[in-house]
Amino acid sequence: MPDKGLFLVVCEWSVYLLRCSDNSLYTGIATNVPRRLSEHEEGKLGAKYLRGRGPLTLVFQQVVGDRSRASRVEHHIKRLSKREKEAFVRSPDIFRSHIQALAAT
């Protein structure tokens, strides 16, 4: 007889950065970044900040693990200055290393 126990579904969370038409950068987390980008572009389920700031361009994304880690990394990125975020976007490998170090803590 098959086990009728519950199955735990583990989702991989990513942190992502979007560039808005006004050149601002938006940081978010999602399990499906392309779907989340579509939600932002449609405006109904997206973040209020992004309404009217399209078109949006995905400039960075990185899988970071579970939701808790993703939230910590997102918070850290949001605390960076625009200048620091732009430097990371220009050097994605350095940004990935920085994020992996944050996610490991």
N, C-alpha and C. Protein backbone atom coordinates (compact mmCIF):
# COMPACT_ATOMS: atom_id res chain seq x y z
N MET A 1 0.85 -1.18 0.00
CA MET A 1 0.00 0.00 0.00
C MET A 1 0.90 1.24 0.00
N PRO A 2 0.63 2.20 -0.88
CA PRO A 2 1.47 3.40 -0.95
C PRO A 2 1.37 4.25 0.31
N ASP A 3 2.48 4.88 0.64
CA ASP A 3 2.52 5.80 1.79
C ASP A 3 1.67 7.02 1.47
N LYS A 4 0.75 7.36 2.36
CA LYS A 4 -0.12 8.52 2.14
C LYS A 4 0.37 9.73 2.90
N GLY A 5 1.66 9.75 3.22
CA GLY A 5 2.25 10.88 3.93
C GLY A 5 2.30 12.12 3.05
N LEU A 6 2.55 13.23 3.67
CA LEU A 6 2.65 14.48 2.94
C LEU A 6 4.02 14.60 2.28
N PHE A 7 4.04 15.21 1.14
CA PHE A 7 5.28 15.46 0.43
C PHE A 7 5.65 16.92 0.60
N LEU A 8 6.90 17.16 0.90
CA LEU A 8 7.39 18.51 1.03
C LEU A 8 7.94 18.98 -0.31
N VAL A 9 7.42 20.06 -0.82
CA VAL A 9 7.89 20.62 -2.07
C VAL A 9 8.88 21.73 -1.74
N VAL A 10 10.09 21.57 -2.23
CA VAL A 10 11.13 22.56 -1.97
C VAL A 10 11.27 23.45 -3.21
N CYS A 11 11.10 24.73 -3.00
CA CYS A 11 11.21 25.68 -4.10
C CYS A 11 12.55 26.39 -4.02
N GLU A 12 13.16 26.56 -5.15
CA GLU A 12 14.38 27.34 -5.24
C GLU A 12 13.99 28.79 -5.47
N TRP A 13 14.43 29.66 -4.59
CA TRP A 13 14.13 31.08 -4.69
C TRP A 13 15.30 31.80 -5.34
N SER A 14 14.97 32.80 -6.13
CA SER A 14 15.97 33.64 -6.79
C SER A 14 15.79 35.08 -6.36
N VAL A 15 16.89 35.80 -6.37
CA VAL A 15 16.85 37.25 -6.22
C VAL A 15 17.07 37.82 -7.62
N TYR A 16 16.38 38.93 -7.93
CA TYR A 16 16.51 39.51 -9.26
C TYR A 16 16.51 41.03 -9.17
N LEU A 17 17.09 41.66 -10.18
CA LEU A 17 17.08 43.11 -10.31
C LEU A 17 16.49 43.48 -11.66
N LEU A 18 15.59 44.45 -11.63
CA LEU A 18 14.98 44.98 -12.84
C LEU A 18 15.41 46.42 -13.03
N ARG A 19 15.67 46.80 -14.28
CA ARG A 19 15.92 48.19 -14.59
C ARG A 19 14.63 48.77 -15.17
N CYS A 20 14.22 49.90 -14.62
CA CYS A 20 13.01 50.58 -15.06
C CYS A 20 13.35 51.60 -16.13
N SER A 21 12.33 52.12 -16.79
CA SER A 21 12.55 53.10 -17.86
C SER A 21 13.18 54.39 -17.34
N ASP A 22 13.00 54.68 -16.04
CA ASP A 22 13.63 55.88 -15.46
C ASP A 22 15.04 55.59 -14.95
N ASN A 23 15.57 54.40 -15.29
CA ASN A 23 16.91 53.94 -14.94
C ASN A 23 17.07 53.53 -13.48
N SER A 24 15.97 53.50 -12.73
CA SER A 24 16.05 53.01 -11.35
C SER A 24 16.16 51.49 -11.37
N LEU A 25 16.63 50.92 -10.26
CA LEU A 25 16.75 49.47 -10.13
C LEU A 25 15.80 48.99 -9.05
N TYR A 26 15.10 47.91 -9.35
CA TYR A 26 14.16 47.30 -8.41
C TYR A 26 14.68 45.92 -8.05
N THR A 27 14.68 45.57 -6.79
CA THR A 27 15.14 44.26 -6.32
C THR A 27 13.96 43.47 -5.80
N GLY A 28 13.88 42.20 -6.18
CA GLY A 28 12.81 41.34 -5.69
C GLY A 28 13.26 39.90 -5.60
N ILE A 29 12.36 39.05 -5.09
CA ILE A 29 12.63 37.61 -5.01
C ILE A 29 11.44 36.86 -5.62
N ALA A 30 11.71 35.68 -6.15
CA ALA A 30 10.65 34.88 -6.76
C ALA A 30 11.14 33.45 -6.97
N THR A 31 10.19 32.54 -7.11
CA THR A 31 10.54 31.16 -7.47
C THR A 31 10.55 30.98 -8.98
N ASN A 32 9.90 31.89 -9.69
CA ASN A 32 9.84 31.83 -11.14
C ASN A 32 10.00 33.28 -11.64
N VAL A 33 11.21 33.65 -11.95
CA VAL A 33 11.50 35.05 -12.31
C VAL A 33 10.79 35.48 -13.60
N PRO A 34 10.78 34.68 -14.67
CA PRO A 34 10.05 35.12 -15.87
C PRO A 34 8.56 35.38 -15.60
N ARG A 35 7.94 34.50 -14.81
CA ARG A 35 6.53 34.71 -14.46
C ARG A 35 6.35 35.99 -13.65
N ARG A 36 7.25 36.22 -12.69
CA ARG A 36 7.16 37.42 -11.85
C ARG A 36 7.36 38.67 -12.67
N LEU A 37 8.28 38.64 -13.62
CA LEU A 37 8.50 39.78 -14.51
C LEU A 37 7.22 40.08 -15.29
N SER A 38 6.56 39.04 -15.80
CA SER A 38 5.29 39.23 -16.51
C SER A 38 4.24 39.86 -15.60
N GLU A 39 4.19 39.42 -14.35
CA GLU A 39 3.24 39.99 -13.40
C GLU A 39 3.53 41.47 -13.17
N HIS A 40 4.79 41.81 -13.04
CA HIS A 40 5.17 43.22 -12.88
C HIS A 40 4.75 44.03 -14.11
N GLU A 41 5.00 43.49 -15.28
CA GLU A 41 4.68 44.21 -16.52
C GLU A 41 3.19 44.40 -16.71
N GLU A 42 2.40 43.40 -16.28
CA GLU A 42 0.94 43.50 -16.40
C GLU A 42 0.37 44.48 -15.38
N GLY A 43 1.07 44.66 -14.26
CA GLY A 43 0.67 45.67 -13.29
C GLY A 43 -0.31 45.26 -12.22
N LYS A 44 -1.06 44.18 -12.41
CA LYS A 44 -2.08 43.82 -11.43
C LYS A 44 -1.48 43.14 -10.19
N LEU A 45 -0.58 42.21 -10.40
CA LEU A 45 0.04 41.48 -9.29
C LEU A 45 1.44 41.97 -8.97
N GLY A 46 1.92 42.91 -9.75
CA GLY A 46 3.28 43.41 -9.55
C GLY A 46 3.37 44.43 -8.45
N ALA A 47 4.59 44.80 -8.13
CA ALA A 47 4.86 45.79 -7.09
C ALA A 47 4.36 47.17 -7.52
N LYS A 48 3.80 47.90 -6.57
CA LYS A 48 3.31 49.25 -6.86
C LYS A 48 4.42 50.14 -7.41
N TYR A 49 5.62 49.99 -6.87
CA TYR A 49 6.75 50.82 -7.30
C TYR A 49 6.94 50.78 -8.81
N LEU A 50 6.67 49.63 -9.42
CA LEU A 50 6.97 49.44 -10.83
C LEU A 50 5.87 49.94 -11.76
N ARG A 51 4.70 50.26 -11.23
CA ARG A 51 3.60 50.71 -12.08
C ARG A 51 3.96 52.02 -12.76
N GLY A 52 3.85 52.04 -14.07
CA GLY A 52 4.15 53.23 -14.84
C GLY A 52 5.64 53.44 -15.09
N ARG A 53 6.47 52.49 -14.69
CA ARG A 53 7.92 52.64 -14.87
C ARG A 53 8.44 51.73 -15.99
N GLY A 54 7.57 51.11 -16.74
CA GLY A 54 7.98 50.20 -17.80
C GLY A 54 8.46 50.97 -19.02
N PRO A 55 9.12 50.31 -19.94
CA PRO A 55 9.37 48.88 -19.94
C PRO A 55 10.43 48.49 -18.90
N LEU A 56 10.31 47.26 -18.43
CA LEU A 56 11.23 46.72 -17.43
C LEU A 56 12.21 45.77 -18.11
N THR A 57 13.44 45.80 -17.64
CA THR A 57 14.48 44.93 -18.18
C THR A 57 15.11 44.14 -17.04
N LEU A 58 15.15 42.83 -17.18
CA LEU A 58 15.82 41.98 -16.19
C LEU A 58 17.32 42.15 -16.39
N VAL A 59 18.02 42.65 -15.36
CA VAL A 59 19.46 42.88 -15.50
C VAL A 59 20.29 41.91 -14.67
N PHE A 60 19.64 41.19 -13.76
CA PHE A 60 20.38 40.23 -12.94
C PHE A 60 19.40 39.27 -12.28
N GLN A 61 19.82 38.00 -12.18
CA GLN A 61 19.08 37.03 -11.38
C GLN A 61 20.04 35.96 -10.89
N GLN A 62 19.75 35.44 -9.70
CA GLN A 62 20.61 34.41 -9.11
C GLN A 62 19.77 33.56 -8.16
N VAL A 63 19.84 32.25 -8.32
CA VAL A 63 19.19 31.34 -7.38
C VAL A 63 19.96 31.41 -6.07
N VAL A 64 19.24 31.55 -4.94
CA VAL A 64 19.90 31.67 -3.65
C VAL A 64 19.47 30.62 -2.63
N GLY A 65 18.46 29.82 -2.94
CA GLY A 65 18.05 28.77 -2.01
C GLY A 65 16.62 28.94 -1.55
N ASP A 66 16.41 28.83 -0.25
CA ASP A 66 15.05 28.91 0.29
C ASP A 66 14.59 30.35 0.45
N ARG A 67 13.34 30.52 0.82
CA ARG A 67 12.76 31.86 0.91
C ARG A 67 13.46 32.72 1.97
N SER A 68 13.82 32.11 3.06
CA SER A 68 14.49 32.84 4.13
C SER A 68 15.80 33.46 3.63
N ARG A 69 16.59 32.66 2.96
CA ARG A 69 17.86 33.17 2.40
C ARG A 69 17.60 34.25 1.37
N ALA A 70 16.62 34.01 0.51
CA ALA A 70 16.31 34.99 -0.53
C ALA A 70 15.90 36.32 0.10
N SER A 71 15.11 36.27 1.14
CA SER A 71 14.69 37.51 1.81
C SER A 71 15.87 38.24 2.43
N ARG A 72 16.80 37.50 3.03
CA ARG A 72 17.99 38.12 3.62
C ARG A 72 18.84 38.79 2.54
N VAL A 73 19.05 38.09 1.44
CA VAL A 73 19.85 38.65 0.34
C VAL A 73 19.15 39.87 -0.25
N GLU A 74 17.84 39.78 -0.45
CA GLU A 74 17.08 40.91 -0.98
C GLU A 74 17.23 42.13 -0.06
N HIS A 75 17.09 41.91 1.22
CA HIS A 75 17.22 43.02 2.18
C HIS A 75 18.60 43.66 2.09
N HIS A 76 19.62 42.83 2.00
CA HIS A 76 20.99 43.35 1.89
C HIS A 76 21.16 44.19 0.62
N ILE A 77 20.67 43.67 -0.50
CA ILE A 77 20.80 44.39 -1.77
C ILE A 77 20.05 45.72 -1.71
N LYS A 78 18.87 45.71 -1.13
CA LYS A 78 18.08 46.94 -1.05
C LYS A 78 18.77 48.01 -0.21
N ARG A 79 19.64 47.60 0.68
CA ARG A 79 20.38 48.55 1.51
C ARG A 79 21.61 49.13 0.80
N LEU A 80 22.00 48.55 -0.33
CA LEU A 80 23.14 49.06 -1.09
C LEU A 80 22.76 50.38 -1.76
N SER A 81 23.74 51.22 -1.99
CA SER A 81 23.50 52.45 -2.72
C SER A 81 23.28 52.12 -4.20
N LYS A 82 22.70 53.06 -4.92
CA LYS A 82 22.49 52.88 -6.36
C LYS A 82 23.83 52.64 -7.05
N ARG A 83 24.85 53.38 -6.62
CA ARG A 83 26.19 53.24 -7.20
C ARG A 83 26.72 51.81 -7.01
N GLU A 84 26.55 51.26 -5.81
CA GLU A 84 27.01 49.88 -5.54
C GLU A 84 26.23 48.87 -6.38
N LYS A 85 24.93 49.05 -6.49
CA LYS A 85 24.11 48.13 -7.30
C LYS A 85 24.55 48.19 -8.77
N GLU A 86 24.78 49.39 -9.27
CA GLU A 86 25.22 49.54 -10.66
C GLU A 86 26.57 48.86 -10.89
N ALA A 87 27.47 48.97 -9.93
CA ALA A 87 28.78 48.31 -10.05
C ALA A 87 28.61 46.80 -10.11
N PHE A 88 27.71 46.27 -9.30
CA PHE A 88 27.47 44.83 -9.32
C PHE A 88 26.82 44.39 -10.63
N VAL A 89 25.89 45.18 -11.14
CA VAL A 89 25.23 44.84 -12.40
C VAL A 89 26.24 44.81 -13.54
N ARG A 90 27.23 45.71 -13.50
CA ARG A 90 28.28 45.73 -14.52
C ARG A 90 29.23 44.55 -14.38
N SER A 91 29.31 43.97 -13.18
CA SER A 91 30.22 42.84 -12.92
C SER A 91 29.43 41.68 -12.30
N PRO A 92 28.61 41.00 -13.11
CA PRO A 92 27.73 39.97 -12.55
C PRO A 92 28.44 38.83 -11.83
N ASP A 93 29.65 38.48 -12.26
CA ASP A 93 30.37 37.40 -11.58
C ASP A 93 30.73 37.80 -10.14
N ILE A 94 31.14 39.04 -9.97
CA ILE A 94 31.46 39.53 -8.62
C ILE A 94 30.18 39.59 -7.80
N PHE A 95 29.09 40.02 -8.42
CA PHE A 95 27.79 40.09 -7.73
C PHE A 95 27.37 38.69 -7.28
N ARG A 96 27.51 37.69 -8.16
CA ARG A 96 27.14 36.31 -7.80
C ARG A 96 27.96 35.81 -6.62
N SER A 97 29.25 36.09 -6.62
CA SER A 97 30.11 35.67 -5.51
C SER A 97 29.66 36.34 -4.21
N HIS A 98 29.35 37.61 -4.29
CA HIS A 98 28.88 38.37 -3.12
C HIS A 98 27.56 37.76 -2.60
N ILE A 99 26.65 37.46 -3.49
CA ILE A 99 25.36 36.91 -3.09
C ILE A 99 25.52 35.50 -2.53
N GLN A 100 26.37 34.69 -3.12
CA GLN A 100 26.58 33.33 -2.60
C GLN A 100 27.15 33.39 -1.18
N ALA A 101 28.04 34.32 -0.93
CA ALA A 101 28.59 34.48 0.42
C ALA A 101 27.49 34.90 1.40
N LEU A 102 26.61 35.79 0.98
CA LEU A 102 25.50 36.21 1.84
C LEU A 102 24.54 35.06 2.10
N ALA A 103 24.23 34.31 1.06
CA ALA A 103 23.27 33.21 1.18
C ALA A 103 23.79 32.10 2.08
N ALA A 104 25.10 31.97 2.16
CA ALA A 104 25.70 30.90 2.97
C ALA A 104 25.63 31.20 4.47
N THR A 105 25.38 32.46 4.83
CA THR A 105 25.36 32.82 6.26
C THR A 105 24.01 32.55 6.88
